[in-house]
Amino acid sequence: MDKSDNNKLEESEEKEASALLKRLDKLITSLEEMGFDDYLARRHNRGRMLASNLALGIAKGLGTAVGFTILGAVLFLLLKRIATANLPIIGDFIARIVDIVEKSG
């Protein structure tokens, strides 16, 4: 290899290294903006992670329970209105369902 080929190879390697450093800087900036260091700190503190996951689980459970309760109540009221509308086939069927629900509750 002669000197010019060696210089071209070094310039190419310097460009690649410069491009990699720019990408690495972008990655570091993105991780800092996301709060990745806080996440890692939380992850290494087992007590804090356990408390956080417990609170999240309770919130999800409560949200699901409240959501299904509201959805069930709305559905029940809708079925009750359809039953009182005296629709021939559907009305009788829904009226029986509403009666069963009211008796069991």
PDB file of N, CA and C in Angstrom:
ATOM      1  N   MET A   1       0.828  -1.177   0.000  1.00  0.00           N
ATOM      2  CA  MET A   1       0.000   0.000   0.000  1.00  0.00           C
ATOM      3  C   MET A   1       0.873   1.240   0.000  1.00  0.00           C
ATOM      4  N   ASP A   2       0.489   2.185  -0.778  1.00  0.00           N
ATOM      5  CA  ASP A   2       1.280   3.408  -0.776  1.00  0.00           C
ATOM      6  C   ASP A   2       0.674   4.432   0.169  1.00  0.00           C
ATOM      7  N   LYS A   3       1.301   5.583   0.241  1.00  0.00           N
ATOM      8  CA  LYS A   3       0.932   6.603   1.226  1.00  0.00           C
ATOM      9  C   LYS A   3      -0.458   7.200   0.978  1.00  0.00           C
ATOM     10  N   SER A   4      -0.851   7.379  -0.285  1.00  0.00           N
ATOM     11  CA  SER A   4      -2.158   7.976  -0.595  1.00  0.00           C
ATOM     12  C   SER A   4      -3.301   7.027  -0.207  1.00  0.00           C
ATOM     13  N   ASP A   5      -3.101   5.737  -0.455  1.00  0.00           N
ATOM     14  CA  ASP A   5      -4.119   4.755  -0.046  1.00  0.00           C
ATOM     15  C   ASP A   5      -4.270   4.730   1.469  1.00  0.00           C
ATOM     16  N   ASN A   6      -3.159   4.849   2.158  1.00  0.00           N
ATOM     17  CA  ASN A   6      -3.164   4.858   3.621  1.00  0.00           C
ATOM     18  C   ASN A   6      -3.901   6.084   4.155  1.00  0.00           C
ATOM     19  N   ASN A   7      -3.683   7.249   3.519  1.00  0.00           N
ATOM     20  CA  ASN A   7      -4.362   8.484   3.930  1.00  0.00           C
ATOM     21  C   ASN A   7      -5.866   8.386   3.695  1.00  0.00           C
ATOM     22  N   LYS A   8      -6.264   7.815   2.544  1.00  0.00           N
ATOM     23  CA  LYS A   8      -7.691   7.663   2.241  1.00  0.00           C
ATOM     24  C   LYS A   8      -8.364   6.747   3.261  1.00  0.00           C
ATOM     25  N   LEU A   9      -7.671   5.687   3.627  1.00  0.00           N
ATOM     26  CA  LEU A   9      -8.206   4.753   4.610  1.00  0.00           C
ATOM     27  C   LEU A   9      -8.374   5.427   5.966  1.00  0.00           C
ATOM     28  N   GLU A  10      -7.403   6.222   6.354  1.00  0.00           N
ATOM     29  CA  GLU A  10      -7.488   6.941   7.633  1.00  0.00           C
ATOM     30  C   GLU A  10      -8.615   7.957   7.615  1.00  0.00           C
ATOM     31  N   GLU A  11      -8.791   8.679   6.495  1.00  0.00           N
ATOM     32  CA  GLU A  11      -9.883   9.655   6.383  1.00  0.00           C
ATOM     33  C   GLU A  11     -11.236   8.950   6.463  1.00  0.00           C
ATOM     34  N   SER A  12     -11.347   7.810   5.812  1.00  0.00           N
ATOM     35  CA  SER A  12     -12.590   7.044   5.845  1.00  0.00           C
ATOM     36  C   SER A  12     -12.904   6.577   7.267  1.00  0.00           C
ATOM     37  N   GLU A  13     -11.894   6.106   7.961  1.00  0.00           N
ATOM     38  CA  GLU A  13     -12.095   5.671   9.342  1.00  0.00           C
ATOM     39  C   GLU A  13     -12.456   6.831  10.244  1.00  0.00           C
ATOM     40  N   GLU A  14     -11.860   8.000  10.008  1.00  0.00           N
ATOM     41  CA  GLU A  14     -12.185   9.188  10.806  1.00  0.00           C
ATOM     42  C   GLU A  14     -13.623   9.626  10.565  1.00  0.00           C
ATOM     43  N   LYS A  15     -14.091   9.549   9.306  1.00  0.00           N
ATOM     44  CA  LYS A  15     -15.479   9.911   8.996  1.00  0.00           C
ATOM     45  C   LYS A  15     -16.449   8.945   9.684  1.00  0.00           C
ATOM     46  N   GLU A  16     -16.127   7.662   9.632  1.00  0.00           N
ATOM     47  CA  GLU A  16     -16.981   6.669  10.294  1.00  0.00           C
ATOM     48  C   GLU A  16     -17.016   6.894  11.796  1.00  0.00           C
ATOM     49  N   ALA A  17     -15.865   7.175  12.381  1.00  0.00           N
ATOM     50  CA  ALA A  17     -15.798   7.427  13.819  1.00  0.00           C
ATOM     51  C   ALA A  17     -16.577   8.682  14.181  1.00  0.00           C
ATOM     52  N   SER A  18     -16.474   9.716  13.340  1.00  0.00           N
ATOM     53  CA  SER A  18     -17.207  10.955  13.591  1.00  0.00           C
ATOM     54  C   SER A  18     -18.717  10.714  13.508  1.00  0.00           C
ATOM     55  N   ALA A  19     -19.148   9.945  12.498  1.00  0.00           N
ATOM     56  CA  ALA A  19     -20.573   9.635  12.359  1.00  0.00           C
ATOM     57  C   ALA A  19     -21.068   8.827  13.554  1.00  0.00           C
ATOM     58  N   LEU A  20     -20.281   7.876  14.012  1.00  0.00           N
ATOM     59  CA  LEU A  20     -20.663   7.078  15.177  1.00  0.00           C
ATOM     60  C   LEU A  20     -20.759   7.936  16.432  1.00  0.00           C
ATOM     61  N   LEU A  21     -19.821   8.873  16.593  1.00  0.00           N
ATOM     62  CA  LEU A  21     -19.878   9.766  17.759  1.00  0.00           C
ATOM     63  C   LEU A  21     -21.118  10.641  17.736  1.00  0.00           C
ATOM     64  N   LYS A  22     -21.507  11.117  16.548  1.00  0.00           N
ATOM     65  CA  LYS A  22     -22.726  11.935  16.436  1.00  0.00           C
ATOM     66  C   LYS A  22     -23.956  11.112  16.812  1.00  0.00           C
ATOM     67  N   ARG A  23     -24.011   9.865  16.313  1.00  0.00           N
ATOM     68  CA  ARG A  23     -25.142   8.992  16.642  1.00  0.00           C
ATOM     69  C   ARG A  23     -25.174   8.674  18.133  1.00  0.00           C
ATOM     70  N   LEU A  24     -23.999   8.473  18.716  1.00  0.00           N
ATOM     71  CA  LEU A  24     -23.917   8.194  20.143  1.00  0.00           C
ATOM     72  C   LEU A  24     -24.370   9.396  20.960  1.00  0.00           C
ATOM     73  N   ASP A  25     -24.000  10.591  20.529  1.00  0.00           N
ATOM     74  CA  ASP A  25     -24.455  11.812  21.219  1.00  0.00           C
ATOM     75  C   ASP A  25     -25.976  11.947  21.153  1.00  0.00           C
ATOM     76  N   LYS A  26     -26.558  11.646  19.982  1.00  0.00           N
ATOM     77  CA  LYS A  26     -28.015  11.701  19.849  1.00  0.00           C
ATOM     78  C   LYS A  26     -28.684  10.693  20.778  1.00  0.00           C
ATOM     79  N   LEU A  27     -28.113   9.494  20.842  1.00  0.00           N
ATOM     80  CA  LEU A  27     -28.657   8.453  21.707  1.00  0.00           C
ATOM     81  C   LEU A  27     -28.593   8.876  23.173  1.00  0.00           C
ATOM     82  N   ILE A  28     -27.470   9.419  23.584  1.00  0.00           N
ATOM     83  CA  ILE A  28     -27.316   9.872  24.971  1.00  0.00           C
ATOM     84  C   ILE A  28     -28.315  10.971  25.285  1.00  0.00           C
ATOM     85  N   THR A  29     -28.475  11.919  24.364  1.00  0.00           N
ATOM     86  CA  THR A  29     -29.431  13.014  24.562  1.00  0.00           C
ATOM     87  C   THR A  29     -30.855  12.469  24.690  1.00  0.00           C
ATOM     88  N   SER A  30     -31.204  11.514  23.833  1.00  0.00           N
ATOM     89  CA  SER A  30     -32.551  10.918  23.887  1.00  0.00           C
ATOM     90  C   SER A  30     -32.784  10.204  25.212  1.00  0.00           C
ATOM     91  N   LEU A  31     -31.789   9.451  25.665  1.00  0.00           N
ATOM     92  CA  LEU A  31     -31.936   8.732  26.929  1.00  0.00           C
ATOM     93  C   LEU A  31     -32.061   9.702  28.103  1.00  0.00           C
ATOM     94  N   GLU A  32     -31.334  10.802  28.067  1.00  0.00           N
ATOM     95  CA  GLU A  32     -31.438  11.796  29.140  1.00  0.00           C
ATOM     96  C   GLU A  32     -32.801  12.460  29.138  1.00  0.00           C
ATOM     97  N   GLU A  33     -33.347  12.744  27.941  1.00  0.00           N
ATOM     98  CA  GLU A  33     -34.671  13.368  27.852  1.00  0.00           C
ATOM     99  C   GLU A  33     -35.768  12.428  28.346  1.00  0.00           C
ATOM    100  N   MET A  34     -35.592  11.125  28.134  1.00  0.00           N
ATOM    101  CA  MET A  34     -36.588  10.143  28.582  1.00  0.00           C
ATOM    102  C   MET A  34     -36.505   9.885  30.078  1.00  0.00           C
ATOM    103  N   GLY A  35     -35.461  10.345  30.720  1.00  0.00           N
ATOM    104  CA  GLY A  35     -35.304  10.074  32.143  1.00  0.00           C
ATOM    105  C   GLY A  35     -34.834   8.659  32.397  1.00  0.00           C
ATOM    106  N   PHE A  36     -34.010   8.147  31.517  1.00  0.00           N
ATOM    107  CA  PHE A  36     -33.546   6.770  31.625  1.00  0.00           C
ATOM    108  C   PHE A  36     -32.709   6.553  32.881  1.00  0.00           C
ATOM    109  N   ASP A  37     -31.982   7.588  33.299  1.00  0.00           N
ATOM    110  CA  ASP A  37     -31.167   7.452  34.512  1.00  0.00           C
ATOM    111  C   ASP A  37     -32.055   7.270  35.740  1.00  0.00           C
ATOM    112  N   ASP A  38     -33.194   7.978  35.781  1.00  0.00           N
ATOM    113  CA  ASP A  38     -34.140   7.793  36.884  1.00  0.00           C
ATOM    114  C   ASP A  38     -34.724   6.380  36.870  1.00  0.00           C
ATOM    115  N   TYR A  39     -35.015   5.891  35.675  1.00  0.00           N
ATOM    116  CA  TYR A  39     -35.549   4.533  35.537  1.00  0.00           C
ATOM    117  C   TYR A  39     -34.548   3.513  36.075  1.00  0.00           C
ATOM    118  N   LEU A  40     -33.291   3.675  35.699  1.00  0.00           N
ATOM    119  CA  LEU A  40     -32.279   2.730  36.172  1.00  0.00           C
ATOM    120  C   LEU A  40     -32.107   2.810  37.686  1.00  0.00           C
ATOM    121  N   ALA A  41     -32.171   4.025  38.238  1.00  0.00           N
ATOM    122  CA  ALA A  41     -32.056   4.186  39.688  1.00  0.00           C
ATOM    123  C   ALA A  41     -33.226   3.488  40.389  1.00  0.00           C
ATOM    124  N   ARG A  42     -34.426   3.635  39.832  1.00  0.00           N
ATOM    125  CA  ARG A  42     -35.606   2.997  40.399  1.00  0.00           C
ATOM    126  C   ARG A  42     -35.514   1.475  40.287  1.00  0.00           C
ATOM    127  N   ARG A  43     -34.958   1.031  39.191  1.00  0.00           N
ATOM    128  CA  ARG A  43     -34.850  -0.405  38.948  1.00  0.00           C
ATOM    129  C   ARG A  43     -33.887  -1.076  39.920  1.00  0.00           C
ATOM    130  N   HIS A  44     -32.864  -0.359  40.341  1.00  0.00           N
ATOM    131  CA  HIS A  44     -31.897  -0.934  41.279  1.00  0.00           C
ATOM    132  C   HIS A  44     -32.382  -0.862  42.727  1.00  0.00           C
ATOM    133  N   ASN A  45     -33.388  -0.043  42.994  1.00  0.00           N
ATOM    134  CA  ASN A  45     -33.967   0.056  44.334  1.00  0.00           C
ATOM    135  C   ASN A  45     -35.209  -0.843  44.363  1.00  0.00           C
ATOM    136  N   ARG A  46     -35.052  -2.057  44.872  1.00  0.00           N
ATOM    137  CA  ARG A  46     -36.148  -3.033  44.829  1.00  0.00           C
ATOM    138  C   ARG A  46     -37.384  -2.592  45.609  1.00  0.00           C
ATOM    139  N   GLY A  47     -37.184  -1.958  46.748  1.00  0.00           N
ATOM    140  CA  GLY A  47     -38.334  -1.514  47.536  1.00  0.00           C
ATOM    141  C   GLY A  47     -39.162  -0.482  46.794  1.00  0.00           C
ATOM    142  N   ARG A  48     -38.482   0.457  46.158  1.00  0.00           N
ATOM    143  CA  ARG A  48     -39.178   1.500  45.413  1.00  0.00           C
ATOM    144  C   ARG A  48     -39.889   0.907  44.196  1.00  0.00           C
ATOM    145  N   MET A  49     -39.218  -0.041  43.534  1.00  0.00           N
ATOM    146  CA  MET A  49     -39.827  -0.687  42.373  1.00  0.00           C
ATOM    147  C   MET A  49     -41.058  -1.492  42.787  1.00  0.00           C
ATOM    148  N   LEU A  50     -40.979  -2.195  43.907  1.00  0.00           N
ATOM    149  CA  LEU A  50     -42.099  -2.982  44.400  1.00  0.00           C
ATOM    150  C   LEU A  50     -43.283  -2.074  44.742  1.00  0.00           C
ATOM    151  N   ALA A  51     -43.005  -0.972  45.430  1.00  0.00           N
ATOM    152  CA  ALA A  51     -44.077  -0.039  45.791  1.00  0.00           C
ATOM    153  C   ALA A  51     -44.714   0.568  44.546  1.00  0.00           C
ATOM    154  N   SER A  52     -43.899   0.913  43.580  1.00  0.00           N
ATOM    155  CA  SER A  52     -44.409   1.498  42.342  1.00  0.00           C
ATOM    156  C   SER A  52     -45.288   0.505  41.586  1.00  0.00           C
ATOM    157  N   ASN A  53     -44.827  -0.732  41.465  1.00  0.00           N
ATOM    158  CA  ASN A  53     -45.613  -1.749  40.766  1.00  0.00           C
ATOM    159  C   ASN A  53     -46.891  -2.107  41.520  1.00  0.00           C
ATOM    160  N   LEU A  54     -46.837  -2.106  42.847  1.00  0.00           N
ATOM    161  CA  LEU A  54     -48.028  -2.381  43.645  1.00  0.00           C
ATOM    162  C   LEU A  54     -49.079  -1.290  43.436  1.00  0.00           C
ATOM    163  N   ALA A  55     -48.635  -0.033  43.486  1.00  0.00           N
ATOM    164  CA  ALA A  55     -49.566   1.082  43.272  1.00  0.00           C
ATOM    165  C   ALA A  55     -50.157   1.034  41.872  1.00  0.00           C
ATOM    166  N   LEU A  56     -49.336   0.711  40.886  1.00  0.00           N
ATOM    167  CA  LEU A  56     -49.826   0.616  39.513  1.00  0.00           C
ATOM    168  C   LEU A  56     -50.842  -0.519  39.376  1.00  0.00           C
ATOM    169  N   GLY A  57     -50.576  -1.648  39.999  1.00  0.00           N
ATOM    170  CA  GLY A  57     -51.504  -2.775  39.950  1.00  0.00           C
ATOM    171  C   GLY A  57     -52.839  -2.460  40.607  1.00  0.00           C
ATOM    172  N   ILE A  58     -52.788  -1.775  41.752  1.00  0.00           N
ATOM    173  CA  ILE A  58     -54.026  -1.394  42.432  1.00  0.00           C
ATOM    174  C   ILE A  58     -54.832  -0.418  41.578  1.00  0.00           C
ATOM    175  N   ALA A  59     -54.143   0.550  40.975  1.00  0.00           N
ATOM    176  CA  ALA A  59     -54.829   1.527  40.127  1.00  0.00           C
ATOM    177  C   ALA A  59     -55.481   0.847  38.923  1.00  0.00           C
ATOM    178  N   LYS A  60     -54.773  -0.084  38.297  1.00  0.00           N
ATOM    179  CA  LYS A  60     -55.352  -0.795  37.154  1.00  0.00           C
ATOM    180  C   LYS A  60     -56.551  -1.630  37.581  1.00  0.00           C
ATOM    181  N   GLY A  61     -56.442  -2.308  38.723  1.00  0.00           N
ATOM    182  CA  GLY A  61     -57.553  -3.118  39.212  1.00  0.00           C
ATOM    183  C   GLY A  61     -58.774  -2.283  39.532  1.00  0.00           C
ATOM    184  N   LEU A  62     -58.564  -1.163  40.204  1.00  0.00           N
ATOM    185  CA  LEU A  62     -59.683  -0.271  40.521  1.00  0.00           C
ATOM    186  C   LEU A  62     -60.313   0.304  39.260  1.00  0.00           C
ATOM    187  N   GLY A  63     -59.479   0.707  38.324  1.00  0.00           N
ATOM    188  CA  GLY A  63     -59.994   1.256  37.068  1.00  0.00           C
ATOM    189  C   GLY A  63     -60.817   0.240  36.309  1.00  0.00           C
ATOM    190  N   THR A  64     -60.344  -0.990  36.274  1.00  0.00           N
ATOM    191  CA  THR A  64     -61.081  -2.047  35.590  1.00  0.00           C
ATOM    192  C   THR A  64     -62.414  -2.305  36.285  1.00  0.00           C
ATOM    193  N   ALA A  65     -62.397  -2.384  37.615  1.00  0.00           N
ATOM    194  CA  ALA A  65     -63.629  -2.658  38.368  1.00  0.00           C
ATOM    195  C   ALA A  65     -64.656  -1.540  38.177  1.00  0.00           C
ATOM    196  N   VAL A  66     -64.200  -0.306  38.287  1.00  0.00           N
ATOM    197  CA  VAL A  66     -65.122   0.827  38.129  1.00  0.00           C
ATOM    198  C   VAL A  66     -65.648   0.881  36.694  1.00  0.00           C
ATOM    199  N   GLY A  67     -64.764   0.651  35.727  1.00  0.00           N
ATOM    200  CA  GLY A  67     -65.184   0.686  34.321  1.00  0.00           C
ATOM    201  C   GLY A  67     -66.222  -0.366  34.001  1.00  0.00           C
ATOM    202  N   PHE A  68     -65.988  -1.601  34.461  1.00  0.00           N
ATOM    203  CA  PHE A  68     -66.970  -2.654  34.209  1.00  0.00           C
ATOM    204  C   PHE A  68     -68.278  -2.400  34.949  1.00  0.00           C
ATOM    205  N   THR A  69     -68.210  -1.810  36.126  1.00  0.00           N
ATOM    206  CA  THR A  69     -69.429  -1.489  36.868  1.00  0.00           C
ATOM    207  C   THR A  69     -70.265  -0.466  36.111  1.00  0.00           C
ATOM    208  N   ILE A  70     -69.609   0.577  35.636  1.00  0.00           N
ATOM    209  CA  ILE A  70     -70.334   1.615  34.882  1.00  0.00           C
ATOM    210  C   ILE A  70     -70.883   1.042  33.583  1.00  0.00           C
ATOM    211  N   LEU A  71     -70.059   0.267  32.879  1.00  0.00           N
ATOM    212  CA  LEU A  71     -70.506  -0.336  31.629  1.00  0.00           C
ATOM    213  C   LEU A  71     -71.682  -1.283  31.871  1.00  0.00           C
ATOM    214  N   GLY A  72     -71.629  -2.075  32.930  1.00  0.00           N
ATOM    215  CA  GLY A  72     -72.736  -2.980  33.259  1.00  0.00           C
ATOM    216  C   GLY A  72     -74.004  -2.226  33.601  1.00  0.00           C
ATOM    217  N   ALA A  73     -73.871  -1.146  34.350  1.00  0.00           N
ATOM    218  CA  ALA A  73     -75.056  -0.358  34.724  1.00  0.00           C
ATOM    219  C   ALA A  73     -75.690   0.273  33.492  1.00  0.00           C
ATOM    220  N   VAL A  74     -74.871   0.804  32.601  1.00  0.00           N
ATOM    221  CA  VAL A  74     -75.407   1.413  31.377  1.00  0.00           C
ATOM    222  C   VAL A  74     -76.090   0.350  30.519  1.00  0.00           C
ATOM    223  N   LEU A  75     -75.458  -0.798  30.398  1.00  0.00           N
ATOM    224  CA  LEU A  75     -76.041  -1.887  29.621  1.00  0.00           C
ATOM    225  C   LEU A  75     -77.357  -2.353  30.242  1.00  0.00           C
ATOM    226  N   PHE A  76     -77.399  -2.454  31.565  1.00  0.00           N
ATOM    227  CA  PHE A  76     -78.616  -2.863  32.260  1.00  0.00           C
ATOM    228  C   PHE A  76     -79.740  -1.856  32.022  1.00  0.00           C
ATOM    229  N   LEU A  77     -79.436  -0.571  32.116  1.00  0.00           N
ATOM    230  CA  LEU A  77     -80.460   0.459  31.869  1.00  0.00           C
ATOM    231  C   LEU A  77     -80.952   0.420  30.426  1.00  0.00           C
ATOM    232  N   LEU A  78     -80.014   0.186  29.508  1.00  0.00           N
ATOM    233  CA  LEU A  78     -80.391   0.098  28.101  1.00  0.00           C
ATOM    234  C   LEU A  78     -81.312  -1.097  27.870  1.00  0.00           C
ATOM    235  N   LEU A  79     -80.981  -2.233  28.453  1.00  0.00           N
ATOM    236  CA  LEU A  79     -81.833  -3.418  28.315  1.00  0.00           C
ATOM    237  C   LEU A  79     -83.202  -3.194  28.951  1.00  0.00           C
ATOM    238  N   LYS A  80     -83.217  -2.490  30.060  1.00  0.00           N
ATOM    239  CA  LYS A  80     -84.493  -2.211  30.738  1.00  0.00           C
ATOM    240  C   LYS A  80     -85.392  -1.333  29.858  1.00  0.00           C
ATOM    241  N   ARG A  81     -84.782  -0.354  29.187  1.00  0.00           N
ATOM    242  CA  ARG A  81     -85.574   0.514  28.298  1.00  0.00           C
ATOM    243  C   ARG A  81     -86.100  -0.269  27.095  1.00  0.00           C
ATOM    244  N   ILE A  82     -85.259  -1.158  26.564  1.00  0.00           N
ATOM    245  CA  ILE A  82     -85.722  -1.973  25.442  1.00  0.00           C
ATOM    246  C   ILE A  82     -86.868  -2.867  25.891  1.00  0.00           C
ATOM    247  N   ALA A  83     -86.784  -3.391  27.108  1.00  0.00           N
ATOM    248  CA  ALA A  83     -87.849  -4.266  27.624  1.00  0.00           C
ATOM    249  C   ALA A  83     -89.149  -3.500  27.809  1.00  0.00           C
ATOM    250  N   THR A  84     -89.066  -2.249  28.247  1.00  0.00           N
ATOM    251  CA  THR A  84     -90.286  -1.461  28.460  1.00  0.00           C
ATOM    252  C   THR A  84     -90.841  -0.900  27.161  1.00  0.00           C
ATOM    253  N   ALA A  85     -90.061  -0.981  26.076  1.00  0.00           N
ATOM    254  CA  ALA A  85     -90.546  -0.500  24.785  1.00  0.00           C
ATOM    255  C   ALA A  85     -91.504  -1.488  24.139  1.00  0.00           C
ATOM    256  N   ASN A  86     -91.687  -2.636  24.770  1.00  0.00           N
ATOM    257  CA  ASN A  86     -92.609  -3.680  24.295  1.00  0.00           C
ATOM    258  C   ASN A  86     -92.312  -4.138  22.867  1.00  0.00           C
ATOM    259  N   LEU A  87     -91.056  -4.390  22.605  1.00  0.00           N
ATOM    260  CA  LEU A  87     -90.704  -5.007  21.330  1.00  0.00           C
ATOM    261  C   LEU A  87     -91.123  -6.474  21.405  1.00  0.00           C
ATOM    262  N   PRO A  88     -91.711  -7.013  20.356  1.00  0.00           N
ATOM    263  CA  PRO A  88     -92.346  -8.335  20.439  1.00  0.00           C
ATOM    264  C   PRO A  88     -91.454  -9.454  20.969  1.00  0.00           C
ATOM    265  N   ILE A  89     -90.416  -9.844  20.286  1.00  0.00           N
ATOM    266  CA  ILE A  89     -89.623 -11.006  20.692  1.00  0.00           C
ATOM    267  C   ILE A  89     -88.524 -10.597  21.657  1.00  0.00           C
ATOM    268  N   ILE A  90     -87.833  -9.552  21.309  1.00  0.00           N
ATOM    269  CA  ILE A  90     -86.695  -9.117  22.109  1.00  0.00           C
ATOM    270  C   ILE A  90     -87.142  -8.608  23.479  1.00  0.00           C
ATOM    271  N   GLY A  91     -88.257  -7.901  23.508  1.00  0.00           N
ATOM    272  CA  GLY A  91     -88.755  -7.322  24.758  1.00  0.00           C
ATOM    273  C   GLY A  91     -89.039  -8.375  25.814  1.00  0.00           C
ATOM    274  N   ASP A  92     -89.681  -9.476  25.434  1.00  0.00           N
ATOM    275  CA  ASP A  92     -89.982 -10.546  26.392  1.00  0.00           C
ATOM    276  C   ASP A  92     -88.706 -11.193  26.923  1.00  0.00           C
ATOM    277  N   PHE A  93     -87.773 -11.462  26.016  1.00  0.00           N
ATOM    278  CA  PHE A  93     -86.514 -12.092  26.410  1.00  0.00           C
ATOM    279  C   PHE A  93     -85.733 -11.199  27.374  1.00  0.00           C
ATOM    280  N   ILE A  94     -85.640  -9.924  27.038  1.00  0.00           N
ATOM    281  CA  ILE A  94     -84.902  -8.989  27.896  1.00  0.00           C
ATOM    282  C   ILE A  94     -85.634  -8.771  29.210  1.00  0.00           C
ATOM    283  N   ALA A  95     -86.967  -8.761  29.182  1.00  0.00           N
ATOM    284  CA  ALA A  95     -87.739  -8.599  30.411  1.00  0.00           C
ATOM    285  C   ALA A  95     -87.452  -9.749  31.368  1.00  0.00           C
ATOM    286  N   ARG A  96     -87.319 -10.966  30.842  1.00  0.00           N
ATOM    287  CA  ARG A  96     -86.994 -12.103  31.699  1.00  0.00           C
ATOM    288  C   ARG A  96     -85.593 -11.949  32.291  1.00  0.00           C
ATOM    289  N   ILE A  97     -84.661 -11.498  31.467  1.00  0.00           N
ATOM    290  CA  ILE A  97     -83.280 -11.283  31.963  1.00  0.00           C
ATOM    291  C   ILE A  97     -83.267 -10.221  33.066  1.00  0.00           C
ATOM    292  N   VAL A  98     -83.987  -9.126  32.846  1.00  0.00           N
ATOM    293  CA  VAL A  98     -84.035  -8.044  33.848  1.00  0.00           C
ATOM    294  C   VAL A  98     -84.673  -8.550  35.123  1.00  0.00           C
ATOM    295  N   ASP A  99     -85.744  -9.334  35.016  1.00  0.00           N
ATOM    296  CA  ASP A  99     -86.393  -9.882  36.213  1.00  0.00           C
ATOM    297  C   ASP A  99     -85.439 -10.789  36.984  1.00  0.00           C
ATOM    298  N   ILE A 100     -84.684 -11.626  36.269  1.00  0.00           N
ATOM    299  CA  ILE A 100     -83.731 -12.520  36.926  1.00  0.00           C
ATOM    300  C   ILE A 100     -82.662 -11.727  37.648  1.00  0.00           C
ATOM    301  N   VAL A 101     -82.165 -10.685  37.013  1.00  0.00           N
ATOM    302  CA  VAL A 101     -81.126  -9.860  37.620  1.00  0.00           C
ATOM    303  C   VAL A 101     -81.650  -9.126  38.837  1.00  0.00           C
ATOM    304  N   GLU A 102     -82.870  -8.578  38.735  1.00  0.00           N
ATOM    305  CA  GLU A 102     -83.454  -7.850  39.870  1.00  0.00           C
ATOM    306  C   GLU A 102     -83.737  -8.785  41.051  1.00  0.00           C
ATOM    307  N   LYS A 103     -84.163 -10.013  40.770  1.00  0.00           N
ATOM    308  CA  LYS A 103     -84.449 -10.954  41.853  1.00  0.00           C
ATOM    309  C   LYS A 103     -83.175 -11.431  42.539  1.00  0.00           C
ATOM    310  N   SER A 104     -82.118 -11.619  41.753  1.00  0.00           N
ATOM    311  CA  SER A 104     -80.866 -12.099  42.344  1.00  0.00           C
ATOM    312  C   SER A 104     -80.117 -10.987  43.067  1.00  0.00           C
ATOM    313  N   GLY A 105     -80.382  -9.747  42.753  1.00  0.00           N
ATOM    314  CA  GLY A 105     -79.657  -8.624  43.357  1.00  0.00           C
ATOM    315  C   GLY A 105     -80.305  -8.112  44.541  1.00  0.00           C
TER     316      GLY A 105
END
